[in-house]
Protein backbone atom coordinates (compact mmCIF):
# COMPACT_ATOMS: atom_id res chain seq x y z
CA MET A 1 5.72 -8.09 0.43
CA GLU A 2 4.35 -7.87 4.10
CA VAL A 3 3.91 -4.47 5.62
CA LYS A 4 2.60 -4.22 9.07
CA ILE A 5 1.62 -0.41 10.08
CA GLY A 6 1.19 0.58 14.41
CA VAL A 7 -0.51 3.65 14.45
CA GLN A 8 -1.32 5.14 17.67
CA ASN A 9 -4.15 4.48 20.05
CA ALA A 10 -5.58 1.87 18.27
CA ALA A 11 -5.82 -1.84 19.01
CA ARG A 12 -5.04 -3.31 15.93
CA GLU A 13 -1.95 -2.61 13.41
CA ILE A 14 -2.69 -2.78 9.78
CA VAL A 15 -1.13 -5.31 7.80
CA LEU A 16 -1.08 -5.65 4.42
CA GLU A 17 0.46 -7.43 1.29
CA SER A 18 2.15 -4.56 -0.76
CA SER A 19 3.39 -5.56 -4.40
CA GLN A 20 5.77 -2.07 -3.68
CA SER A 21 9.60 -2.76 -3.42
CA ALA A 22 11.18 -2.35 0.57
CA ASP A 23 12.54 0.49 -0.86
CA ASP A 24 9.73 2.36 -2.25
CA VAL A 25 8.05 1.88 1.11
CA GLU A 26 10.81 2.92 3.09
CA THR A 27 10.99 6.30 0.53
CA ALA A 28 7.05 6.46 1.66
CA VAL A 29 7.72 6.05 5.02
CA ALA A 30 11.11 8.58 5.50
CA ALA A 31 8.66 11.18 3.38
CA ALA A 32 6.22 10.81 5.83
CA LEU A 33 7.99 11.09 8.88
CA ASP A 34 10.47 14.05 8.04
CA GLY A 35 7.19 16.23 7.34
CA SER A 36 7.36 16.20 3.43
CA SER A 37 4.13 14.20 3.13
CA LYS A 38 1.39 14.28 5.89
CA LEU A 39 0.08 10.66 4.55
CA LEU A 40 1.65 7.62 4.59
CA LYS A 41 0.20 6.22 1.42
CA LEU A 42 0.81 2.53 0.45
CA THR A 43 -1.21 0.35 -2.19
CA ASP A 44 -1.68 -3.35 -1.58
CA GLU A 45 -1.43 -6.41 -4.33
CA HIS A 46 -5.54 -5.82 -5.14
CA GLY A 47 -4.65 -1.91 -5.87
CA ARG A 48 -6.56 -0.74 -2.74
CA LYS A 49 -5.07 2.40 -1.08
CA VAL A 50 -3.90 2.61 2.54
CA LEU A 51 -3.87 6.11 3.70
CA VAL A 52 -2.44 6.73 7.71
CA PRO A 53 -1.45 10.07 8.55
CA ALA A 54 1.88 10.53 9.47
CA GLU A 55 1.87 11.79 12.78
CA ARG A 56 -0.29 8.99 13.53
CA LEU A 57 2.35 6.14 12.56
CA ALA A 58 3.85 4.60 15.80
CA TYR A 59 5.84 2.13 13.72
CA VAL A 60 6.25 0.08 10.28
CA GLU A 61 7.12 -3.30 9.95
CA ILE A 62 9.00 -4.62 6.38
CA GLY A 63 9.20 -7.60 5.39
CA GLU A 64 9.78 -10.09 2.64
CA GLN A 65 7.12 -11.55 0.48
CA THR A 66 7.07 -15.64 1.53
CA ALA A 67 5.66 -18.49 -0.70
CA ARG A 68 2.33 -19.55 0.15
CA LYS A 69 2.52 -23.63 1.01
CA VAL A 70 -0.98 -25.39 -0.50
CA GLY A 71 -2.03 -28.65 0.39
CA PHE A 72 -2.16 -30.96 3.34
CA GLY A 73 1.49 -31.90 3.29
CA ALA A 74 2.16 -28.23 3.68
CA ILE A 75 2.60 -28.43 7.89
């Protein structure tokens, strides 16, 4: 699934494809915002970890994974 993270005082957002479920991402965001965790910790589909300080979060957008189109007829 695609996750977009807005960070305060940063010109670009962080976009990653995560293998985590929407509920897992939402739980991690809630834990970061309520103060029980100082970092938002997510893992992308390649196993890389993304860590964002909770006090710098501007927004988190959780989207559904879309099927990738392949070939010339996928316009």
